[in-house]
Amino acid sequence: MRTHVSRWSRQRLGSFVALASFSVARAEPPAGADLAAAHGAASRAQSEARFIENAGQWKVNADFVASTPTLCVRAEARAIGLQIFEHAGDSSRGVFIRFEFVDAEPLATLVGEDPWETEYNWFRGNDPKAWVRGAHAYRSLRWRGLYPGIDLVLHLGPSGPKYDLLLAPGAELGRFQVRIEGITALEARGLDGLALRTALGDLEHSIGPTWRVEQDESHTPIHARAVARGDCGFGIELDAPPQGRPVVIDPGLIWSTYVGASGVTGVGDETWTVTFGPDGDVYAAGETDGTDFPVTPGSYQNFPSTGLYVYQDVFVSRFRANDGALLYSCVIGGGHYDRPLDMAVDGQSRATVVGYTFSDDFPITPGALQASQSSPNEDAFVLRFNASGNVLLLSTFLAGSNGSMGQSVAIAASGAIIVGGQAYSADFPTTSGAFQTQPITSLGNDPSFLARLSPDGTALEWSTFVSGVRIQSLVLASNEDVVFGGDSGSGSVTTPGAFQRTCSLCNNAGFVGRLAANGSQLQWATLFSWPFAGFRRPLAA
């Protein structure tokens, strides 16, 4: 059961001793990806680290997980796990350190505090019972009653995680003990600090300014220090008693060895497409690498040093127009590589995404046009979420026996979905009366396709090959003719009277065409070569 807890009131804080304990900082700040200005604010909002409740989407012993490009925090019932990555954006190699609370109270509870308004949804695999919807995220976590009269609050700041130890009057600070797993040694550092040695470098635990909060809210400085206990444990001691008043201790845990920094929205995330909704909200779609969760503390390596991943999933996120707040974020994918390439949002704020997948267990909705993967290679997919991102309205494969790739998408007034991309086999599904029901192999290259799916994704309204051109982008004209563009060799299908019909020296000329709204006729098509060669995105009509 989810527990929703607000921040403490000032009055309640006044009855506790607060011992702010550790934070993690890098030797260099993360270097964010160079994203388009249109979604810069959205990217900043999405990159704010947050504790997301684990409702089964992660197969790891943790109630909450927070990830950044450089580290991952795992909150357990009686421990905090900290993964520090050897290379930013790649969780497959690094060091895993676990801070276990020794002899903690059996009835201690871990709850989220100060929630974000974002909802997170996971659609992984083709079993809807395993999907996770409506997971929440929090700015901080609280271990209530970790020891008698002692709570611990964990935060995430710009430099990493930090915890506050809160003591009620009469609580015994000596009960608070931490056993550290995954380090090679624990040594004294200065008068009041510790050095935690790891395979990748040192963590320095030092105590900063400490004071007691008096009745009139003035501060009386007192001294606190971290004290080693055993080979790999520590506690905190005060030189002056709390005298029934709150005490604030502000130490830090500094990562003293640079281990890389980059990334945007988590572990190895990459945004591929951005668009706007009818109310100005920003929608972003991309791919996200799954976080590797080592079980045994210490240094770890789960995959080869090349950083190759067993799987990448698709993410879709929606940001509010006026302040960039993250409204929802969805993850969808199967057991292998999945990538989105384009997205469109309709008047009902529903995001429709196309791309390709290597996953035979990619999530597919009942009654879909193609319920199973058609090839051993990548297959195009088409999917649509509701406005809240918590319902997968439709999802289908769209491919022949040798695979395909969905490159671009547009939405008709009826909600029908127009998709363009590459088809890698002659048995790609087409419809009777379409412009090209079979590819023209003499034109070379894998042919492209244009297809119009019903609003529910269960049927093809029409589908055609477009040979000799690689479609990269499409838009709908006012009468719903399909205007498409891409690149091509010199043998492409062009129409009489076109601006440019041939280009004998071209290997990669630009190409633009217009297909009738019912998919039956090519209205016009032209090359446009150097100095205009090499058409990509976007198009407007």
Protein backbone atom coordinates (compact mmCIF):
# COMPACT_ATOMS: atom_id res chain seq x y z
CA MET A 1 0.00 0.00 0.00
CA ARG A 2 1.39 3.42 -0.95
CA THR A 3 1.94 5.84 1.94
CA HIS A 4 1.71 9.53 1.15
CA VAL A 5 3.39 11.74 3.75
CA SER A 6 3.84 15.50 3.61
CA ARG A 7 6.86 17.35 4.94
CA TRP A 8 7.17 17.95 8.66
CA SER A 9 5.68 21.12 10.04
CA ARG A 10 8.09 23.53 11.69
CA GLN A 11 6.57 22.76 15.06
CA ARG A 12 7.22 19.02 14.75
CA LEU A 13 10.79 19.58 13.61
CA GLY A 14 11.33 21.50 16.84
CA SER A 15 11.04 18.32 18.90
CA PHE A 16 13.81 16.44 17.10
CA VAL A 17 17.57 16.45 16.82
CA ALA A 18 18.57 16.65 13.12
CA LEU A 19 21.83 15.07 12.03
CA ALA A 20 22.38 15.77 8.34
CA SER A 21 24.64 12.96 7.27
CA PHE A 22 26.03 12.44 3.75
CA SER A 23 26.03 13.83 0.26
CA VAL A 24 27.82 12.73 -2.89
CA ALA A 25 29.52 15.13 -5.30
CA ARG A 26 31.46 14.71 -8.53
CA ALA A 27 34.81 16.19 -9.37
CA GLU A 28 33.17 17.64 -12.52
CA PRO A 29 29.51 18.55 -13.14
CA PRO A 30 27.49 16.34 -15.49
CA ALA A 31 27.63 17.44 -19.10
CA GLY A 32 24.01 17.31 -20.33
CA ALA A 33 23.13 16.42 -23.89
CA ASP A 34 22.69 19.30 -26.32
CA LEU A 35 18.90 19.21 -26.72
CA ALA A 36 16.76 21.54 -28.81
CA ALA A 37 15.67 24.76 -27.12
CA ALA A 38 12.03 23.81 -27.55
CA HIS A 39 12.29 21.20 -24.83
CA GLY A 40 15.18 22.55 -22.77
CA ALA A 41 12.93 23.31 -19.82
CA ALA A 42 11.30 19.91 -20.10
CA SER A 43 14.68 18.22 -20.07
CA ARG A 44 15.71 20.11 -16.97
CA ALA A 45 12.53 19.09 -15.18
CA GLN A 46 12.92 15.46 -16.23
CA SER A 47 16.56 15.37 -15.13
CA GLU A 48 15.70 16.29 -11.53
CA ALA A 49 16.49 13.13 -9.62
CA ARG A 50 13.59 11.66 -7.68
CA PHE A 51 12.79 8.60 -5.62
CA ILE A 52 10.38 6.41 -7.58
CA GLU A 53 8.51 3.72 -5.71
CA ASN A 54 9.29 0.18 -6.84
CA ALA A 55 5.96 -1.50 -7.56
CA GLY A 56 7.59 -4.45 -9.29
CA GLN A 57 9.02 -2.70 -12.34
CA TRP A 58 12.55 -3.26 -11.02
CA LYS A 59 13.64 -6.73 -9.96
CA VAL A 60 15.74 -5.54 -7.06
CA ASN A 61 15.46 -5.51 -3.27
CA ALA A 62 14.51 -1.85 -2.95
CA ASP A 63 11.33 0.00 -2.05
CA PHE A 64 12.41 3.16 -3.89
CA VAL A 65 14.98 3.81 -6.62
CA ALA A 66 16.50 7.07 -7.82
CA SER A 67 18.81 7.23 -10.84
CA THR A 68 20.98 9.92 -12.36
CA PRO A 69 23.50 9.55 -15.20
CA THR A 70 26.27 8.94 -12.68
CA LEU A 71 24.75 7.00 -9.80
CA CYS A 72 21.74 5.07 -8.53
CA VAL A 73 20.29 5.14 -5.02
CA ARG A 74 18.38 2.11 -3.74
CA ALA A 75 16.33 2.56 -0.57
CA GLU A 76 15.66 -0.65 1.35
CA ALA A 77 13.69 -1.20 4.55
CA ARG A 78 16.86 -1.00 6.66
CA ALA A 79 19.63 0.06 4.30
CA ILE A 80 20.66 2.52 1.61
CA GLY A 81 22.41 1.18 -1.49
CA LEU A 82 24.57 3.50 -3.57
CA GLN A 83 25.77 2.50 -7.05
CA ILE A 84 28.43 4.76 -8.53
CA PHE A 85 29.01 4.16 -12.24
CA GLU A 86 32.49 3.95 -13.68
CA HIS A 87 31.25 5.73 -16.81
CA ALA A 88 28.31 8.11 -16.79
CA GLY A 89 25.23 6.80 -18.54
CA ASP A 90 26.42 3.19 -18.26
CA SER A 91 25.35 1.30 -15.15
CA SER A 92 27.02 -1.95 -16.22
CA ARG A 93 30.32 -1.21 -14.41
CA GLY A 94 30.97 0.53 -11.15
CA VAL A 95 30.97 0.09 -7.41
CA PHE A 96 28.01 -0.80 -5.18
CA ILE A 97 28.17 0.41 -1.57
CA ARG A 98 25.53 -0.57 0.95
CA PHE A 99 24.92 1.34 4.20
CA GLU A 100 23.10 -1.03 6.57
CA PHE A 101 21.46 0.29 9.73
CA VAL A 102 22.66 -2.10 12.43
CA ASP A 103 20.00 -3.45 14.83
CA ALA A 104 17.34 -1.13 13.43
CA GLU A 105 13.83 -1.41 14.85
CA PRO A 106 11.80 -4.25 13.27
CA LEU A 107 8.73 -2.01 13.06
CA ALA A 108 10.49 0.86 11.31
CA THR A 109 8.64 2.00 8.18
CA LEU A 110 9.95 3.59 4.98
CA VAL A 111 7.65 6.18 3.36
CA GLY A 112 7.85 8.77 0.61
CA GLU A 113 7.51 12.46 1.40
CA ASP A 114 6.88 15.60 -0.65
CA PRO A 115 5.54 13.88 -3.78
CA TRP A 116 6.04 15.02 -7.33
CA GLU A 117 2.87 15.24 -9.40
CA THR A 118 4.38 12.93 -12.00
CA GLU A 119 2.97 9.45 -12.55
CA TYR A 120 5.20 6.70 -13.92
CA ASN A 121 3.98 3.76 -15.97
CA TRP A 122 5.82 0.65 -17.17
CA PHE A 123 4.50 -1.45 -20.05
CA ARG A 124 7.16 -4.15 -20.33
CA GLY A 125 6.56 -7.43 -22.08
CA ASN A 126 3.30 -8.73 -23.52
CA ASP A 127 1.62 -9.72 -20.23
CA PRO A 128 -0.66 -6.85 -19.11
CA LYS A 129 -0.76 -8.31 -15.59
CA ALA A 130 2.92 -7.47 -15.23
CA TRP A 131 2.52 -3.84 -16.28
CA VAL A 132 2.91 -1.18 -13.60
CA ARG A 133 0.76 1.95 -13.68
CA GLY A 134 0.59 5.02 -11.49
CA ALA A 135 3.88 4.70 -9.61
CA HIS A 136 4.70 7.90 -7.74
CA ALA A 137 7.92 9.77 -7.08
CA TYR A 138 9.04 11.73 -4.03
CA ARG A 139 11.59 14.41 -3.22
CA SER A 140 12.58 12.70 0.02
CA LEU A 141 12.16 9.45 1.94
CA ARG A 142 11.69 8.90 5.66
CA TRP A 143 12.55 5.87 7.76
CA ARG A 144 10.11 6.31 10.65
CA GLY A 145 11.24 4.88 13.97
CA LEU A 146 14.52 3.59 12.58
CA TYR A 147 15.68 3.50 16.21
CA PRO A 148 13.67 4.54 19.28
CA GLY A 149 13.09 8.27 18.89
CA ILE A 150 15.21 8.44 15.73
CA ASP A 151 14.02 9.04 12.16
CA LEU A 152 16.20 9.26 9.05
CA VAL A 153 15.27 11.43 6.05
CA LEU A 154 16.99 10.92 2.68
CA HIS A 155 17.13 13.68 0.04
CA LEU A 156 18.58 14.06 -3.44
CA GLY A 157 20.37 17.30 -4.19
CA PRO A 158 22.35 18.60 -7.18
CA SER A 159 25.45 16.79 -5.92
CA GLY A 160 23.74 13.54 -4.98
CA PRO A 161 22.07 11.89 -1.97
CA LYS A 162 22.10 13.38 1.52
CA TYR A 163 20.46 12.18 4.71
CA ASP A 164 19.31 13.90 7.92
CA LEU A 165 19.24 12.03 11.20
CA LEU A 166 16.42 13.34 13.43
CA LEU A 167 16.49 12.67 17.18
CA ALA A 168 13.54 13.22 19.50
CA PRO A 169 14.34 14.42 23.05
CA GLY A 170 15.76 11.54 25.07
CA ALA A 171 16.76 9.46 22.05
CA GLU A 172 20.09 7.64 22.34
CA LEU A 173 22.35 8.68 19.48
CA GLY A 174 24.61 5.74 20.34
CA ARG A 175 21.96 3.37 18.96
CA PHE A 176 22.61 4.73 15.46
CA GLN A 177 25.21 2.51 13.83
CA VAL A 178 25.97 1.97 10.15
CA ARG A 179 27.74 -1.05 8.67
CA ILE A 180 29.26 -0.34 5.25
CA GLU A 181 29.51 -3.13 2.67
CA GLY A 182 31.41 -2.82 -0.60
CA ILE A 183 34.38 -0.76 0.60
CA THR A 184 37.94 -2.02 0.95
CA ALA A 185 38.84 -0.02 4.06
CA LEU A 186 37.56 2.62 6.49
CA GLU A 187 40.06 5.14 7.84
CA ALA A 188 40.00 8.26 10.01
CA ARG A 189 40.23 11.53 8.07
CA GLY A 190 41.03 14.69 10.03
CA LEU A 191 39.50 15.36 13.45
CA ASP A 192 35.94 14.34 12.71
CA GLY A 193 35.81 12.59 9.33
CA LEU A 194 36.24 9.21 7.70
CA ALA A 195 37.63 7.97 4.39
CA LEU A 196 35.71 5.13 2.72
CA ARG A 197 38.03 3.39 0.28
CA THR A 198 36.53 1.67 -2.79
CA ALA A 199 37.85 0.06 -5.96
CA LEU A 200 37.11 3.27 -7.89
CA GLY A 201 38.29 5.87 -5.38
CA ASP A 202 37.61 7.36 -1.97
CA LEU A 203 34.49 8.68 -0.30
CA GLU A 204 35.22 11.28 2.37
CA HIS A 205 32.71 11.51 5.22
CA SER A 206 33.25 14.77 7.09
CA ILE A 207 31.22 16.68 9.68
CA GLY A 208 30.37 20.30 8.91
CA PRO A 209 28.81 23.01 11.11
CA THR A 210 26.74 21.63 13.99
CA TRP A 211 24.39 23.55 16.26
CA ARG A 212 21.62 23.15 18.79
CA VAL A 213 18.37 25.00 18.11
CA GLU A 214 17.29 26.82 21.27
CA GLN A 215 13.79 27.73 22.42
CA ASP A 216 14.05 31.19 20.82
CA GLU A 217 15.29 29.53 17.59
CA SER A 218 18.82 30.83 18.06
CA HIS A 219 21.67 28.43 17.28
CA THR A 220 24.26 27.25 19.76
CA PRO A 221 27.31 25.71 18.03
CA ILE A 222 28.33 22.27 19.24
CA HIS A 223 30.79 19.76 17.86
CA ALA A 224 29.96 16.41 16.23
CA ARG A 225 32.20 13.79 14.71
CA ALA A 226 31.94 10.54 12.79
CA VAL A 227 33.45 7.66 14.74
CA ALA A 228 34.65 4.39 13.20
CA ARG A 229 33.17 1.29 14.81
CA GLY A 230 34.77 -1.97 13.78
CA ASP A 231 36.43 -2.49 10.42
CA CYS A 232 33.64 -1.10 8.25
CA GLY A 233 31.16 0.73 10.46
CA PHE A 234 30.59 4.15 11.97
CA GLY A 235 28.38 6.18 14.27
CA ILE A 236 28.09 9.85 15.22
CA GLU A 237 28.94 11.43 18.56
CA LEU A 238 28.22 14.86 20.04
CA ASP A 239 30.61 16.72 22.36
CA ALA A 240 27.69 18.48 24.08
CA PRO A 241 24.30 17.04 25.06
CA PRO A 242 21.20 18.10 23.12
CA GLN A 243 19.53 19.28 26.39
CA GLY A 244 16.13 18.37 25.01
CA ARG A 245 16.55 20.63 21.98
CA PRO A 246 16.99 19.93 18.25
CA VAL A 247 20.53 19.63 16.94
CA VAL A 248 21.55 20.03 13.29
CA ILE A 249 24.71 18.35 12.02
CA ASP A 250 25.77 18.97 8.42
CA PRO A 251 28.48 16.58 7.23
CA GLY A 252 29.15 15.50 3.66
CA LEU A 253 30.30 12.48 1.69
CA ILE A 254 32.50 13.59 -1.20
CA TRP A 255 33.47 11.33 -4.11
CA SER A 256 37.11 12.22 -4.61
CA THR A 257 37.82 10.40 -7.88
CA TYR A 258 36.34 11.53 -11.18
CA VAL A 259 34.41 8.72 -12.85
CA GLY A 260 32.72 10.52 -15.75
CA ALA A 261 29.60 12.60 -16.20
CA SER A 262 26.95 13.03 -18.89
CA GLY A 263 23.33 12.26 -19.57
CA VAL A 264 19.91 13.83 -19.40
CA THR A 265 17.06 11.91 -17.80
CA GLY A 266 18.54 8.96 -15.97
CA VAL A 267 20.86 6.13 -16.92
CA GLY A 268 21.82 6.48 -20.59
CA ASP A 269 18.57 8.11 -21.76
CA GLU A 270 18.45 9.67 -25.22
CA THR A 271 15.64 11.80 -26.65
CA TRP A 272 14.76 11.10 -30.28
CA THR A 273 11.67 13.17 -30.98
CA VAL A 274 9.86 16.14 -29.44
CA THR A 275 6.49 17.65 -30.32
CA PHE A 276 3.71 19.80 -28.89
CA GLY A 277 0.19 18.93 -27.77
CA PRO A 278 -2.97 20.98 -28.46
CA ASP A 279 -2.55 22.92 -25.20
CA GLY A 280 1.15 23.63 -25.74
CA ASP A 281 2.41 20.83 -23.51
CA VAL A 282 5.72 19.34 -24.63
CA TYR A 283 5.98 15.62 -25.42
CA ALA A 284 9.32 13.84 -25.68
CA ALA A 285 10.08 10.27 -26.71
CA GLY A 286 13.36 8.44 -26.70
CA GLU A 287 15.16 5.35 -25.50
CA THR A 288 16.26 4.47 -22.00
CA ASP A 289 18.82 1.90 -20.90
CA GLY A 290 17.77 -0.47 -18.15
CA THR A 291 19.71 0.01 -14.93
CA ASP A 292 21.88 -2.95 -13.94
CA PHE A 293 21.36 -3.80 -10.27
CA PRO A 294 24.31 -5.66 -8.74
CA VAL A 295 23.42 -7.82 -5.75
CA THR A 296 26.78 -8.12 -4.00
CA PRO A 297 28.39 -4.92 -2.66
CA GLY A 298 31.78 -3.98 -4.08
CA SER A 299 33.02 -3.40 -7.61
CA TYR A 300 30.94 -5.03 -10.33
CA GLN A 301 30.79 -5.58 -14.10
CA ASN A 302 27.58 -6.91 -15.61
CA PHE A 303 28.27 -6.38 -19.30
CA PRO A 304 31.29 -5.99 -21.59
CA SER A 305 33.32 -2.79 -21.37
CA THR A 306 31.91 -1.64 -24.70
CA GLY A 307 28.79 -0.56 -22.82
CA LEU A 308 26.44 -2.64 -24.95
CA TYR A 309 23.05 -3.25 -23.36
CA VAL A 310 20.87 -6.32 -23.46
CA TYR A 311 17.84 -4.08 -23.91
CA GLN A 312 16.74 -0.51 -24.38
CA ASP A 313 13.15 0.55 -23.82
CA VAL A 314 11.08 3.39 -25.21
CA PHE A 315 10.11 6.28 -22.95
CA VAL A 316 7.36 8.83 -23.55
CA SER A 317 7.10 11.89 -21.29
CA ARG A 318 4.72 14.85 -21.11
CA PHE A 319 5.71 18.26 -19.69
CA ARG A 320 3.37 21.09 -18.76
CA ALA A 321 3.62 24.08 -21.09
CA ASN A 322 3.92 26.93 -18.58
CA ASP A 323 6.54 25.56 -16.20
CA GLY A 324 7.99 22.37 -17.69
CA ALA A 325 6.66 20.17 -14.87
CA LEU A 326 6.83 16.47 -15.71
CA LEU A 327 3.21 15.24 -15.82
CA TYR A 328 3.85 11.63 -16.74
CA SER A 329 6.56 9.35 -17.98
CA CYS A 330 5.96 5.93 -19.54
CA VAL A 331 8.42 3.16 -20.27
CA ILE A 332 7.41 0.56 -22.84
CA GLY A 333 9.39 -2.28 -24.36
CA GLY A 334 10.29 -5.93 -24.45
CA GLY A 335 13.33 -8.01 -23.73
CA HIS A 336 15.55 -6.57 -26.47
CA TYR A 337 16.28 -3.33 -28.29
CA ASP A 338 13.39 -0.89 -28.86
CA ARG A 339 13.65 2.62 -30.35
CA PRO A 340 11.10 5.36 -31.13
CA LEU A 341 11.72 7.52 -34.18
CA ASP A 342 8.72 9.84 -34.40
CA MET A 343 5.68 10.92 -32.44
CA ALA A 344 2.47 12.88 -33.04
CA VAL A 345 -0.10 14.17 -30.55
CA ASP A 346 -3.78 14.52 -31.49
CA GLY A 347 -6.46 16.95 -30.31
CA GLN A 348 -7.24 14.69 -27.34
CA SER A 349 -3.62 14.94 -26.11
CA ARG A 350 -2.94 11.30 -26.99
CA ALA A 351 0.64 10.53 -27.98
CA THR A 352 1.14 8.19 -30.95
CA VAL A 353 4.64 6.80 -31.40
CA VAL A 354 6.32 4.83 -34.19
CA GLY A 355 9.72 3.20 -34.35
CA TYR A 356 11.17 -0.28 -34.43
CA THR A 357 11.73 -3.17 -32.05
CA PHE A 358 13.75 -6.38 -31.90
CA SER A 359 11.58 -7.67 -29.02
CA ASP A 360 9.23 -10.55 -29.75
CA ASP A 361 7.53 -9.78 -26.43
CA PHE A 362 6.93 -6.10 -27.21
CA PRO A 363 3.62 -5.06 -25.56
CA ILE A 364 0.72 -5.53 -28.01
CA THR A 365 -2.93 -4.71 -27.36
CA PRO A 366 -5.83 -7.15 -27.95
CA GLY A 367 -7.16 -7.18 -31.52
CA ALA A 368 -4.05 -5.50 -32.91
CA LEU A 369 -3.41 -5.52 -36.65
CA GLN A 370 -0.31 -7.71 -36.13
CA ALA A 371 -0.17 -9.42 -32.76
CA SER A 372 3.21 -11.12 -33.21
CA GLN A 373 6.61 -10.27 -34.60
CA SER A 374 6.88 -11.08 -38.31
CA SER A 375 10.63 -11.32 -38.70
CA PRO A 376 13.82 -12.20 -36.83
CA ASN A 377 14.96 -8.62 -37.48
CA GLU A 378 13.55 -5.31 -36.37
CA ASP A 379 9.80 -4.77 -36.88
CA ALA A 380 8.04 -1.43 -37.03
CA PHE A 381 5.68 -0.70 -34.17
CA VAL A 382 2.80 1.74 -33.80
CA LEU A 383 1.45 2.59 -30.35
CA ARG A 384 -0.79 5.17 -28.69
CA PHE A 385 -1.24 6.28 -25.07
CA ASN A 386 -4.18 8.06 -23.51
CA ALA A 387 -3.78 11.67 -22.38
CA SER A 388 -2.65 10.62 -18.90
CA GLY A 389 -0.08 8.12 -20.17
CA ASN A 390 -1.41 5.31 -17.98
CA VAL A 391 -3.40 3.38 -20.60
CA LEU A 392 -1.92 1.78 -23.70
CA LEU A 393 -4.77 2.38 -26.13
CA LEU A 394 -3.23 0.49 -29.04
CA SER A 395 0.01 -1.19 -29.96
CA THR A 396 0.80 -3.29 -33.01
CA PHE A 397 3.64 -4.59 -35.11
CA LEU A 398 3.68 -3.55 -38.77
CA ALA A 399 6.10 -5.62 -40.84
CA GLY A 400 6.73 -8.33 -43.41
CA SER A 401 8.87 -11.43 -43.03
CA ASN A 402 12.17 -9.53 -43.24
CA GLY A 403 11.30 -6.64 -40.95
CA SER A 404 10.54 -2.94 -41.25
CA MET A 405 11.09 0.41 -39.57
CA GLY A 406 8.56 3.12 -38.69
CA GLN A 407 10.14 6.50 -39.46
CA SER A 408 7.37 9.11 -39.33
CA VAL A 409 3.76 9.48 -38.20
CA ALA A 410 0.82 11.85 -38.55
CA ILE A 411 -2.75 11.78 -37.21
CA ALA A 412 -5.89 12.25 -39.31
CA ALA A 413 -8.98 14.08 -38.08
CA SER A 414 -10.69 10.74 -37.42
CA GLY A 415 -7.78 9.54 -35.27
CA ALA A 416 -6.47 7.30 -38.05
CA ILE A 417 -2.70 6.88 -38.01
CA ILE A 418 -0.56 7.51 -41.10
CA VAL A 419 2.86 5.88 -40.88
CA GLY A 420 5.86 6.05 -43.19
CA GLY A 421 9.06 4.06 -43.10
CA GLN A 422 11.14 1.31 -44.66
CA ALA A 423 9.90 -2.15 -45.63
CA TYR A 424 12.51 -4.88 -46.03
CA SER A 425 10.46 -7.56 -47.78
CA ALA A 426 7.97 -7.87 -50.62
CA ASP A 427 5.34 -9.38 -48.31
CA PHE A 428 4.93 -6.22 -46.27
CA PRO A 429 1.13 -5.88 -45.88
CA THR A 430 -0.49 -3.74 -48.58
CA THR A 431 -4.12 -3.23 -49.61
CA SER A 432 -5.98 -3.69 -52.86
CA GLY A 433 -6.13 -0.54 -54.98
CA ALA A 434 -3.14 1.07 -53.30
CA PHE A 435 -0.53 2.97 -55.30
CA GLN A 436 2.05 0.11 -55.26
CA THR A 437 0.98 -3.27 -53.96
CA GLN A 438 4.40 -4.75 -54.84
CA PRO A 439 7.81 -3.08 -54.66
CA ILE A 440 9.63 -2.12 -57.85
CA THR A 441 12.92 -3.93 -57.29
CA SER A 442 14.65 -2.34 -60.29
CA LEU A 443 14.68 0.98 -58.45
CA GLY A 444 17.08 -0.40 -55.85
CA ASN A 445 17.19 0.20 -52.11
CA ASP A 446 14.75 -1.31 -49.68
CA PRO A 447 11.40 0.21 -50.57
CA SER A 448 9.55 2.56 -48.30
CA PHE A 449 5.95 2.21 -47.25
CA LEU A 450 3.07 4.49 -46.41
CA ALA A 451 0.14 3.07 -44.46
CA ARG A 452 -3.02 4.38 -42.84
CA LEU A 453 -4.22 2.43 -39.78
CA SER A 454 -7.69 2.61 -38.30
CA PRO A 455 -8.01 4.76 -35.15
CA ASP A 456 -7.99 1.66 -32.94
CA GLY A 457 -5.00 0.08 -34.68
CA THR A 458 -6.84 -3.09 -35.63
CA ALA A 459 -6.99 -2.68 -39.43
CA LEU A 460 -5.31 -1.11 -42.44
CA GLU A 461 -7.42 1.51 -44.19
CA TRP A 462 -4.80 1.43 -46.94
CA SER A 463 -1.13 0.54 -47.34
CA THR A 464 1.32 0.95 -50.21
CA PHE A 465 4.96 0.58 -51.15
CA VAL A 466 6.88 3.63 -52.37
CA SER A 467 9.89 2.19 -54.18
CA GLY A 468 13.26 3.80 -54.72
CA VAL A 469 13.02 6.28 -51.85
CA ARG A 470 13.80 6.21 -48.13
CA ILE A 471 10.96 8.06 -46.43
CA GLN A 472 12.15 10.13 -43.48
CA SER A 473 9.23 12.45 -42.81
CA LEU A 474 5.56 12.99 -43.64
CA VAL A 475 2.78 15.48 -42.96
CA LEU A 476 -0.89 15.69 -43.90
CA ALA A 477 -2.27 18.35 -46.22
CA SER A 478 -5.60 20.01 -45.40
CA ASN A 479 -7.45 17.37 -47.46
CA GLU A 480 -5.36 14.62 -45.77
CA ASP A 481 -3.19 13.94 -48.79
CA VAL A 482 0.14 12.60 -47.53
CA VAL A 483 3.16 14.79 -48.29
CA PHE A 484 6.33 12.82 -47.70
CA GLY A 485 10.04 13.38 -48.06
CA GLY A 486 13.27 11.49 -47.86
CA ASP A 487 16.30 10.69 -49.97
CA SER A 488 16.90 8.54 -53.01
CA GLY A 489 19.19 7.48 -55.81
CA SER A 490 18.65 8.57 -59.40
CA GLY A 491 16.12 5.86 -60.24
CA SER A 492 13.22 7.02 -58.09
CA VAL A 493 9.63 7.22 -59.24
CA THR A 494 8.92 10.79 -60.32
CA THR A 495 5.94 12.26 -62.16
CA PRO A 496 5.71 14.10 -65.52
CA GLY A 497 6.33 17.82 -65.19
CA ALA A 498 8.13 17.41 -61.86
CA PHE A 499 10.80 19.90 -60.83
CA GLN A 500 13.56 17.28 -61.33
CA ARG A 501 13.01 13.79 -62.68
CA THR A 502 16.57 12.43 -62.89
CA CYS A 503 20.01 13.00 -61.43
CA SER A 504 22.69 10.88 -63.07
CA LEU A 505 25.40 11.92 -60.59
CA CYS A 506 23.28 11.61 -57.46
CA ASN A 507 23.69 8.86 -54.92
CA ASN A 508 21.55 10.52 -52.28
CA ALA A 509 19.24 13.13 -53.76
CA GLY A 510 16.40 14.69 -51.84
CA PHE A 511 12.90 13.49 -52.71
CA VAL A 512 9.42 14.93 -52.05
CA GLY A 513 6.07 13.50 -53.10
CA ARG A 514 2.35 13.78 -52.50
CA LEU A 515 0.08 10.74 -52.22
CA ALA A 516 -3.71 10.92 -52.47
CA ALA A 517 -5.57 10.75 -49.16
CA ASN A 518 -6.93 7.29 -50.02
CA GLY A 519 -3.45 5.95 -50.85
CA SER A 520 -4.35 5.11 -54.44
CA GLN A 521 -2.44 7.63 -56.53
CA LEU A 522 0.85 9.51 -56.51
CA GLN A 523 -0.20 13.11 -57.20
CA TRP A 524 3.33 14.28 -57.88
CA ALA A 525 6.90 13.40 -56.95
CA THR A 526 10.23 15.07 -57.61
CA LEU A 527 13.91 14.82 -56.87
CA PHE A 528 15.81 17.89 -55.75
CA SER A 529 19.55 17.36 -55.98
CA TRP A 530 22.66 19.34 -55.11
CA PRO A 531 22.81 21.93 -53.62
CA PHE A 532 19.64 20.65 -51.97
CA ALA A 533 20.59 16.96 -51.75
CA GLY A 534 20.13 14.93 -48.61
CA PHE A 535 16.61 15.53 -47.32
CA ARG A 536 15.92 14.73 -43.67
CA ARG A 537 13.37 16.35 -41.33
CA PRO A 538 11.03 18.18 -40.92
CA LEU A 539 8.28 18.74 -43.51
CA ALA A 540 5.37 21.20 -43.46
CA ALA A 541 2.24 21.35 -45.56
